[in-house]
Amino acid sequence: MTSNELVTKEDLEVFGNKLLEKIELILQPGKAQSKQWLKSKDVRKLLNISPGTLQNLRINGTLSYTKIGGMMYYKLEDIHKVLEGSKH
């Protein structure tokens, strides 16, 4: 093994894709449990809101999120808190 190894863009892409696949597997719930993390489209459907409204909820801090590889994930627990807060 030499101390000078070349890493290509393709190597980085393969690494990134494998990393994203592993992260997605971690975020996927088991069959017996409910989803703990939702993607933006699922949140919009659940709350019946537009992409712009979801963006505003992120911007004003009403709904926290985690961004991984360009995808945004939301905790189901946090969504329930938003729903509970809007009931009064």
PDB file of N, CA and C in Angstrom:
ATOM      1  N   MET A   1       0.849  -1.185   0.000  1.00  0.00           N
ATOM      2  CA  MET A   1       0.000   0.000   0.000  1.00  0.00           C
ATOM      3  C   MET A   1       0.887   1.238   0.000  1.00  0.00           C
ATOM      4  N   THR A   2       0.595   2.168  -0.875  1.00  0.00           N
ATOM      5  CA  THR A   2       1.387   3.389  -0.959  1.00  0.00           C
ATOM      6  C   THR A   2       0.707   4.507  -0.190  1.00  0.00           C
ATOM      7  N   SER A   3       1.478   5.521   0.131  1.00  0.00           N
ATOM      8  CA  SER A   3       0.915   6.650   0.866  1.00  0.00           C
ATOM      9  C   SER A   3       0.164   7.605  -0.057  1.00  0.00           C
ATOM     10  N   ASN A   4       0.370   7.455  -1.358  1.00  0.00           N
ATOM     11  CA  ASN A   4      -0.328   8.304  -2.335  1.00  0.00           C
ATOM     12  C   ASN A   4      -1.357   7.480  -3.092  1.00  0.00           C
ATOM     13  N   GLU A   5      -2.622   7.629  -2.698  1.00  0.00           N
ATOM     14  CA  GLU A   5      -3.700   6.938  -3.384  1.00  0.00           C
ATOM     15  C   GLU A   5      -4.624   7.977  -3.984  1.00  0.00           C
ATOM     16  N   LEU A   6      -5.067   7.714  -5.187  1.00  0.00           N
ATOM     17  CA  LEU A   6      -5.925   8.639  -5.910  1.00  0.00           C
ATOM     18  C   LEU A   6      -7.388   8.296  -5.664  1.00  0.00           C
ATOM     19  N   VAL A   7      -8.152   9.288  -5.266  1.00  0.00           N
ATOM     20  CA  VAL A   7      -9.586   9.120  -5.077  1.00  0.00           C
ATOM     21  C   VAL A   7     -10.272   9.921  -6.173  1.00  0.00           C
ATOM     22  N   THR A   8     -11.082   9.233  -6.960  1.00  0.00           N
ATOM     23  CA  THR A   8     -11.759   9.892  -8.079  1.00  0.00           C
ATOM     24  C   THR A   8     -13.147  10.372  -7.663  1.00  0.00           C
ATOM     25  N   LYS A   9     -13.760  11.178  -8.520  1.00  0.00           N
ATOM     26  CA  LYS A   9     -15.134  11.635  -8.275  1.00  0.00           C
ATOM     27  C   LYS A   9     -16.068  10.433  -8.210  1.00  0.00           C
ATOM     28  N   GLU A  10     -15.805   9.450  -9.060  1.00  0.00           N
ATOM     29  CA  GLU A  10     -16.641   8.247  -9.067  1.00  0.00           C
ATOM     30  C   GLU A  10     -16.533   7.504  -7.735  1.00  0.00           C
ATOM     31  N   ASP A  11     -15.324   7.424  -7.188  1.00  0.00           N
ATOM     32  CA  ASP A  11     -15.136   6.797  -5.876  1.00  0.00           C
ATOM     33  C   ASP A  11     -15.954   7.515  -4.811  1.00  0.00           C
ATOM     34  N   LEU A  12     -15.932   8.837  -4.851  1.00  0.00           N
ATOM     35  CA  LEU A  12     -16.687   9.627  -3.870  1.00  0.00           C
ATOM     36  C   LEU A  12     -18.186   9.438  -4.042  1.00  0.00           C
ATOM     37  N   GLU A  13     -18.640   9.371  -5.294  1.00  0.00           N
ATOM     38  CA  GLU A  13     -20.066   9.156  -5.550  1.00  0.00           C
ATOM     39  C   GLU A  13     -20.512   7.797  -5.020  1.00  0.00           C
ATOM     40  N   VAL A  14     -19.712   6.770  -5.275  1.00  0.00           N
ATOM     41  CA  VAL A  14     -20.039   5.426  -4.789  1.00  0.00           C
ATOM     42  C   VAL A  14     -20.086   5.426  -3.260  1.00  0.00           C
ATOM     43  N   PHE A  15     -19.092   6.040  -2.640  1.00  0.00           N
ATOM     44  CA  PHE A  15     -19.056   6.127  -1.186  1.00  0.00           C
ATOM     45  C   PHE A  15     -20.288   6.850  -0.653  1.00  0.00           C
ATOM     46  N   GLY A  16     -20.604   8.002  -1.265  1.00  0.00           N
ATOM     47  CA  GLY A  16     -21.758   8.788  -0.826  1.00  0.00           C
ATOM     48  C   GLY A  16     -23.055   8.018  -0.956  1.00  0.00           C
ATOM     49  N   ASN A  17     -23.218   7.309  -2.078  1.00  0.00           N
ATOM     50  CA  ASN A  17     -24.437   6.533  -2.282  1.00  0.00           C
ATOM     51  C   ASN A  17     -24.559   5.404  -1.264  1.00  0.00           C
ATOM     52  N   LYS A  18     -23.453   4.731  -0.987  1.00  0.00           N
ATOM     53  CA  LYS A  18     -23.486   3.661   0.014  1.00  0.00           C
ATOM     54  C   LYS A  18     -23.809   4.220   1.396  1.00  0.00           C
ATOM     55  N   LEU A  19     -23.244   5.377   1.716  1.00  0.00           N
ATOM     56  CA  LEU A  19     -23.504   6.006   3.002  1.00  0.00           C
ATOM     57  C   LEU A  19     -24.978   6.386   3.135  1.00  0.00           C
ATOM     58  N   LEU A  20     -25.541   6.972   2.078  1.00  0.00           N
ATOM     59  CA  LEU A  20     -26.961   7.344   2.107  1.00  0.00           C
ATOM     60  C   LEU A  20     -27.848   6.115   2.261  1.00  0.00           C
ATOM     61  N   GLU A  21     -27.503   5.030   1.574  1.00  0.00           N
ATOM     62  CA  GLU A  21     -28.288   3.799   1.698  1.00  0.00           C
ATOM     63  C   GLU A  21     -28.284   3.298   3.141  1.00  0.00           C
ATOM     64  N   LYS A  22     -27.121   3.347   3.778  1.00  0.00           N
ATOM     65  CA  LYS A  22     -27.028   2.887   5.164  1.00  0.00           C
ATOM     66  C   LYS A  22     -27.817   3.792   6.106  1.00  0.00           C
ATOM     67  N   ILE A  23     -27.749   5.101   5.867  1.00  0.00           N
ATOM     68  CA  ILE A  23     -28.508   6.040   6.705  1.00  0.00           C
ATOM     69  C   ILE A  23     -29.997   5.810   6.533  1.00  0.00           C
ATOM     70  N   GLU A  24     -30.434   5.597   5.289  1.00  0.00           N
ATOM     71  CA  GLU A  24     -31.856   5.348   5.045  1.00  0.00           C
ATOM     72  C   GLU A  24     -32.311   4.066   5.718  1.00  0.00           C
ATOM     73  N   LEU A  25     -31.457   3.044   5.731  1.00  0.00           N
ATOM     74  CA  LEU A  25     -31.807   1.807   6.425  1.00  0.00           C
ATOM     75  C   LEU A  25     -31.972   2.048   7.919  1.00  0.00           C
ATOM     76  N   ILE A  26     -31.116   2.876   8.476  1.00  0.00           N
ATOM     77  CA  ILE A  26     -31.207   3.194   9.895  1.00  0.00           C
ATOM     78  C   ILE A  26     -32.500   3.944  10.193  1.00  0.00           C
ATOM     79  N   LEU A  27     -32.877   4.859   9.286  1.00  0.00           N
ATOM     80  CA  LEU A  27     -34.074   5.667   9.507  1.00  0.00           C
ATOM     81  C   LEU A  27     -35.357   4.894   9.251  1.00  0.00           C
ATOM     82  N   GLN A  28     -35.277   3.800   8.493  1.00  0.00           N
ATOM     83  CA  GLN A  28     -36.480   3.028   8.204  1.00  0.00           C
ATOM     84  C   GLN A  28     -36.932   2.292   9.449  1.00  0.00           C
ATOM     85  N   PRO A  29     -38.214   2.338   9.719  1.00  0.00           N
ATOM     86  CA  PRO A  29     -38.709   1.632  10.903  1.00  0.00           C
ATOM     87  C   PRO A  29     -38.794   0.137  10.654  1.00  0.00           C
ATOM     88  N   GLY A  30     -38.772  -0.629  11.742  1.00  0.00           N
ATOM     89  CA  GLY A  30     -39.013  -2.065  11.635  1.00  0.00           C
ATOM     90  C   GLY A  30     -40.475  -2.296  11.327  1.00  0.00           C
ATOM     91  N   LYS A  31     -40.788  -3.486  10.906  1.00  0.00           N
ATOM     92  CA  LYS A  31     -42.179  -3.782  10.527  1.00  0.00           C
ATOM     93  C   LYS A  31     -43.130  -3.687  11.713  1.00  0.00           C
ATOM     94  N   ALA A  32     -42.639  -3.976  12.909  1.00  0.00           N
ATOM     95  CA  ALA A  32     -43.510  -3.993  14.093  1.00  0.00           C
ATOM     96  C   ALA A  32     -43.728  -2.613  14.695  1.00  0.00           C
ATOM     97  N   GLN A  33     -42.889  -1.652  14.359  1.00  0.00           N
ATOM     98  CA  GLN A  33     -43.024  -0.328  14.980  1.00  0.00           C
ATOM     99  C   GLN A  33     -43.477   0.701  13.950  1.00  0.00           C
ATOM    100  N   SER A  34     -44.030   1.804  14.430  1.00  0.00           N
ATOM    101  CA  SER A  34     -44.472   2.850  13.521  1.00  0.00           C
ATOM    102  C   SER A  34     -43.277   3.703  13.105  1.00  0.00           C
ATOM    103  N   LYS A  35     -43.465   4.458  12.040  1.00  0.00           N
ATOM    104  CA  LYS A  35     -42.387   5.329  11.557  1.00  0.00           C
ATOM    105  C   LYS A  35     -42.053   6.382  12.600  1.00  0.00           C
ATOM    106  N   GLN A  36     -40.762   6.580  12.816  1.00  0.00           N
ATOM    107  CA  GLN A  36     -40.326   7.624  13.732  1.00  0.00           C
ATOM    108  C   GLN A  36     -39.881   8.857  12.963  1.00  0.00           C
ATOM    109  N   TRP A  37     -39.483   8.690  11.706  1.00  0.00           N
ATOM    110  CA  TRP A  37     -39.008   9.788  10.871  1.00  0.00           C
ATOM    111  C   TRP A  37     -39.817   9.806   9.584  1.00  0.00           C
ATOM    112  N   LEU A  38     -40.205  11.000   9.157  1.00  0.00           N
ATOM    113  CA  LEU A  38     -40.983  11.158   7.930  1.00  0.00           C
ATOM    114  C   LEU A  38     -40.268  12.096   6.975  1.00  0.00           C
ATOM    115  N   LYS A  39     -40.452  11.864   5.689  1.00  0.00           N
ATOM    116  CA  LYS A  39     -39.923  12.761   4.661  1.00  0.00           C
ATOM    117  C   LYS A  39     -40.904  13.916   4.470  1.00  0.00           C
ATOM    118  N   SER A  40     -40.443  14.948   3.783  1.00  0.00           N
ATOM    119  CA  SER A  40     -41.261  16.157   3.577  1.00  0.00           C
ATOM    120  C   SER A  40     -42.614  15.849   2.964  1.00  0.00           C
ATOM    121  N   LYS A  41     -42.634  14.994   1.932  1.00  0.00           N
ATOM    122  CA  LYS A  41     -43.916  14.708   1.270  1.00  0.00           C
ATOM    123  C   LYS A  41     -44.904  14.048   2.221  1.00  0.00           C
ATOM    124  N   ASP A  42     -44.398  13.199   3.127  1.00  0.00           N
ATOM    125  CA  ASP A  42     -45.277  12.552   4.103  1.00  0.00           C
ATOM    126  C   ASP A  42     -45.817  13.549   5.117  1.00  0.00           C
ATOM    127  N   VAL A  43     -44.971  14.495   5.520  1.00  0.00           N
ATOM    128  CA  VAL A  43     -45.395  15.531   6.471  1.00  0.00           C
ATOM    129  C   VAL A  43     -46.459  16.421   5.826  1.00  0.00           C
ATOM    130  N   ARG A  44     -46.223  16.819   4.580  1.00  0.00           N
ATOM    131  CA  ARG A  44     -47.204  17.671   3.879  1.00  0.00           C
ATOM    132  C   ARG A  44     -48.544  16.958   3.759  1.00  0.00           C
ATOM    133  N   LYS A  45     -48.498  15.668   3.459  1.00  0.00           N
ATOM    134  CA  LYS A  45     -49.730  14.894   3.334  1.00  0.00           C
ATOM    135  C   LYS A  45     -50.436  14.774   4.685  1.00  0.00           C
ATOM    136  N   LEU A  46     -49.662  14.492   5.730  1.00  0.00           N
ATOM    137  CA  LEU A  46     -50.227  14.333   7.067  1.00  0.00           C
ATOM    138  C   LEU A  46     -50.871  15.621   7.567  1.00  0.00           C
ATOM    139  N   LEU A  47     -50.199  16.746   7.339  1.00  0.00           N
ATOM    140  CA  LEU A  47     -50.706  18.032   7.818  1.00  0.00           C
ATOM    141  C   LEU A  47     -51.595  18.743   6.800  1.00  0.00           C
ATOM    142  N   ASN A  48     -51.665  18.179   5.589  1.00  0.00           N
ATOM    143  CA  ASN A  48     -52.450  18.768   4.501  1.00  0.00           C
ATOM    144  C   ASN A  48     -52.010  20.210   4.231  1.00  0.00           C
ATOM    145  N   ILE A  49     -50.697  20.365   4.002  1.00  0.00           N
ATOM    146  CA  ILE A  49     -50.125  21.688   3.753  1.00  0.00           C
ATOM    147  C   ILE A  49     -49.290  21.672   2.473  1.00  0.00           C
ATOM    148  N   SER A  50     -49.005  22.838   1.970  1.00  0.00           N
ATOM    149  CA  SER A  50     -48.211  22.996   0.751  1.00  0.00           C
ATOM    150  C   SER A  50     -46.717  22.954   1.080  1.00  0.00           C
ATOM    151  N   PRO A  51     -45.875  22.773   0.051  1.00  0.00           N
ATOM    152  CA  PRO A  51     -44.426  22.830   0.287  1.00  0.00           C
ATOM    153  C   PRO A  51     -43.985  24.164   0.902  1.00  0.00           C
ATOM    154  N   GLY A  52     -44.601  25.265   0.482  1.00  0.00           N
ATOM    155  CA  GLY A  52     -44.259  26.581   1.020  1.00  0.00           C
ATOM    156  C   GLY A  52     -44.595  26.713   2.496  1.00  0.00           C
ATOM    157  N   THR A  53     -45.734  26.163   2.892  1.00  0.00           N
ATOM    158  CA  THR A  53     -46.121  26.198   4.302  1.00  0.00           C
ATOM    159  C   THR A  53     -45.153  25.372   5.142  1.00  0.00           C
ATOM    160  N   LEU A  54     -44.761  24.215   4.625  1.00  0.00           N
ATOM    161  CA  LEU A  54     -43.791  23.389   5.346  1.00  0.00           C
ATOM    162  C   LEU A  54     -42.459  24.125   5.476  1.00  0.00           C
ATOM    163  N   GLN A  55     -42.068  24.815   4.422  1.00  0.00           N
ATOM    164  CA  GLN A  55     -40.830  25.599   4.473  1.00  0.00           C
ATOM    165  C   GLN A  55     -40.939  26.684   5.540  1.00  0.00           C
ATOM    166  N   ASN A  56     -42.082  27.353   5.613  1.00  0.00           N
ATOM    167  CA  ASN A  56     -42.280  28.385   6.642  1.00  0.00           C
ATOM    168  C   ASN A  56     -42.221  27.795   8.046  1.00  0.00           C
ATOM    169  N   LEU A  57     -42.757  26.588   8.235  1.00  0.00           N
ATOM    170  CA  LEU A  57     -42.695  25.939   9.548  1.00  0.00           C
ATOM    171  C   LEU A  57     -41.246  25.639   9.936  1.00  0.00           C
ATOM    172  N   ARG A  58     -40.437  25.305   8.931  1.00  0.00           N
ATOM    173  CA  ARG A  58     -39.009  25.074   9.208  1.00  0.00           C
ATOM    174  C   ARG A  58     -38.312  26.385   9.533  1.00  0.00           C
ATOM    175  N   ILE A  59     -38.564  27.408   8.717  1.00  0.00           N
ATOM    176  CA  ILE A  59     -37.880  28.703   8.864  1.00  0.00           C
ATOM    177  C   ILE A  59     -38.187  29.345  10.211  1.00  0.00           C
ATOM    178  N   ASN A  60     -39.460  29.326  10.606  1.00  0.00           N
ATOM    179  CA  ASN A  60     -39.809  29.999  11.865  1.00  0.00           C
ATOM    180  C   ASN A  60     -39.598  29.123  13.095  1.00  0.00           C
ATOM    181  N   GLY A  61     -39.077  27.913  12.889  1.00  0.00           N
ATOM    182  CA  GLY A  61     -38.731  27.053  14.011  1.00  0.00           C
ATOM    183  C   GLY A  61     -39.886  26.277  14.608  1.00  0.00           C
ATOM    184  N   THR A  62     -41.044  26.327  13.981  1.00  0.00           N
ATOM    185  CA  THR A  62     -42.192  25.584  14.491  1.00  0.00           C
ATOM    186  C   THR A  62     -41.966  24.084  14.390  1.00  0.00           C
ATOM    187  N   LEU A  63     -41.301  23.668  13.318  1.00  0.00           N
ATOM    188  CA  LEU A  63     -41.070  22.249  13.095  1.00  0.00           C
ATOM    189  C   LEU A  63     -39.587  22.018  12.829  1.00  0.00           C
ATOM    190  N   SER A  64     -38.945  21.254  13.710  1.00  0.00           N
ATOM    191  CA  SER A  64     -37.516  20.968  13.524  1.00  0.00           C
ATOM    192  C   SER A  64     -37.355  19.824  12.534  1.00  0.00           C
ATOM    193  N   TYR A  65     -36.185  19.749  11.941  1.00  0.00           N
ATOM    194  CA  TYR A  65     -35.907  18.734  10.932  1.00  0.00           C
ATOM    195  C   TYR A  65     -34.424  18.402  10.931  1.00  0.00           C
ATOM    196  N   THR A  66     -34.108  17.302  10.269  1.00  0.00           N
ATOM    197  CA  THR A  66     -32.730  16.889  10.074  1.00  0.00           C
ATOM    198  C   THR A  66     -32.522  16.707   8.582  1.00  0.00           C
ATOM    199  N   LYS A  67     -31.463  17.314   8.065  1.00  0.00           N
ATOM    200  CA  LYS A  67     -31.179  17.206   6.635  1.00  0.00           C
ATOM    201  C   LYS A  67     -30.021  16.237   6.434  1.00  0.00           C
ATOM    202  N   ILE A  68     -30.269  15.222   5.625  1.00  0.00           N
ATOM    203  CA  ILE A  68     -29.254  14.224   5.323  1.00  0.00           C
ATOM    204  C   ILE A  68     -29.211  14.035   3.812  1.00  0.00           C
ATOM    205  N   GLY A  69     -28.089  14.386   3.225  1.00  0.00           N
ATOM    206  CA  GLY A  69     -27.910  14.188   1.787  1.00  0.00           C
ATOM    207  C   GLY A  69     -28.961  14.847   0.923  1.00  0.00           C
ATOM    208  N   GLY A  70     -29.395  16.013   1.303  1.00  0.00           N
ATOM    209  CA  GLY A  70     -30.390  16.727   0.516  1.00  0.00           C
ATOM    210  C   GLY A  70     -31.834  16.375   0.858  1.00  0.00           C
ATOM    211  N   MET A  71     -32.037  15.351   1.665  1.00  0.00           N
ATOM    212  CA  MET A  71     -33.386  14.968   2.079  1.00  0.00           C
ATOM    213  C   MET A  71     -33.627  15.493   3.489  1.00  0.00           C
ATOM    214  N   MET A  72     -34.842  15.973   3.720  1.00  0.00           N
ATOM    215  CA  MET A  72     -35.205  16.463   5.042  1.00  0.00           C
ATOM    216  C   MET A  72     -36.105  15.449   5.728  1.00  0.00           C
ATOM    217  N   TYR A  73     -35.762  15.174   6.981  1.00  0.00           N
ATOM    218  CA  TYR A  73     -36.530  14.221   7.776  1.00  0.00           C
ATOM    219  C   TYR A  73     -37.055  14.922   9.017  1.00  0.00           C
ATOM    220  N   TYR A  74     -38.278  14.526   9.405  1.00  0.00           N
ATOM    221  CA  TYR A  74     -38.966  15.139  10.543  1.00  0.00           C
ATOM    222  C   TYR A  74     -39.353  14.035  11.519  1.00  0.00           C
ATOM    223  N   LYS A  75     -39.181  14.309  12.808  1.00  0.00           N
ATOM    224  CA  LYS A  75     -39.595  13.343  13.824  1.00  0.00           C
ATOM    225  C   LYS A  75     -41.108  13.360  13.926  1.00  0.00           C
ATOM    226  N   LEU A  76     -41.686  12.183  13.927  1.00  0.00           N
ATOM    227  CA  LEU A  76     -43.133  12.063  14.072  1.00  0.00           C
ATOM    228  C   LEU A  76     -43.590  12.694  15.385  1.00  0.00           C
ATOM    229  N   GLU A  77     -42.782  12.533  16.415  1.00  0.00           N
ATOM    230  CA  GLU A  77     -43.077  13.117  17.734  1.00  0.00           C
ATOM    231  C   GLU A  77     -43.227  14.646  17.635  1.00  0.00           C
ATOM    232  N   ASP A  78     -42.338  15.295  16.865  1.00  0.00           N
ATOM    233  CA  ASP A  78     -42.401  16.753  16.700  1.00  0.00           C
ATOM    234  C   ASP A  78     -43.648  17.171  15.929  1.00  0.00           C
ATOM    235  N   ILE A  79     -44.042  16.363  14.965  1.00  0.00           N
ATOM    236  CA  ILE A  79     -45.250  16.664  14.190  1.00  0.00           C
ATOM    237  C   ILE A  79     -46.480  16.574  15.091  1.00  0.00           C
ATOM    238  N   HIS A  80     -46.493  15.572  15.957  1.00  0.00           N
ATOM    239  CA  HIS A  80     -47.609  15.449  16.909  1.00  0.00           C
ATOM    240  C   HIS A  80     -47.678  16.675  17.817  1.00  0.00           C
ATOM    241  N   LYS A  81     -46.525  17.186  18.235  1.00  0.00           N
ATOM    242  CA  LYS A  81     -46.497  18.381  19.080  1.00  0.00           C
ATOM    243  C   LYS A  81     -47.088  19.578  18.351  1.00  0.00           C
ATOM    244  N   VAL A  82     -46.780  19.712  17.054  1.00  0.00           N
ATOM    245  CA  VAL A  82     -47.336  20.817  16.261  1.00  0.00           C
ATOM    246  C   VAL A  82     -48.850  20.657  16.173  1.00  0.00           C
ATOM    247  N   LEU A  83     -49.315  19.432  15.939  1.00  0.00           N
ATOM    248  CA  LEU A  83     -50.751  19.186  15.852  1.00  0.00           C
ATOM    249  C   LEU A  83     -51.443  19.469  17.180  1.00  0.00           C
ATOM    250  N   GLU A  84     -50.838  19.070  18.275  1.00  0.00           N
ATOM    251  CA  GLU A  84     -51.405  19.331  19.597  1.00  0.00           C
ATOM    252  C   GLU A  84     -51.480  20.837  19.878  1.00  0.00           C
ATOM    253  N   GLY A  85     -50.467  21.554  19.457  1.00  0.00           N
ATOM    254  CA  GLY A  85     -50.423  22.990  19.668  1.00  0.00           C
ATOM    255  C   GLY A  85     -51.465  23.739  18.863  1.00  0.00           C
ATOM    256  N   SER A  86     -51.881  23.176  17.732  1.00  0.00           N
ATOM    257  CA  SER A  86     -52.857  23.864  16.883  1.00  0.00           C
ATOM    258  C   SER A  86     -54.292  23.545  17.252  1.00  0.00           C
ATOM    259  N   LYS A  87     -54.490  22.719  18.275  1.00  0.00           N
ATOM    260  CA  LYS A  87     -55.857  22.337  18.662  1.00  0.00           C
ATOM    261  C   LYS A  87     -56.577  23.396  19.452  1.00  0.00           C
ATOM    262  N   HIS A  88     -55.833  24.338  20.104  1.00  0.00           N
ATOM    263  CA  HIS A  88     -56.564  25.324  20.900  1.00  0.00           C
ATOM    264  C   HIS A  88     -56.911  26.539  20.127  1.00  0.00           C
TER     265      HIS A  88
END
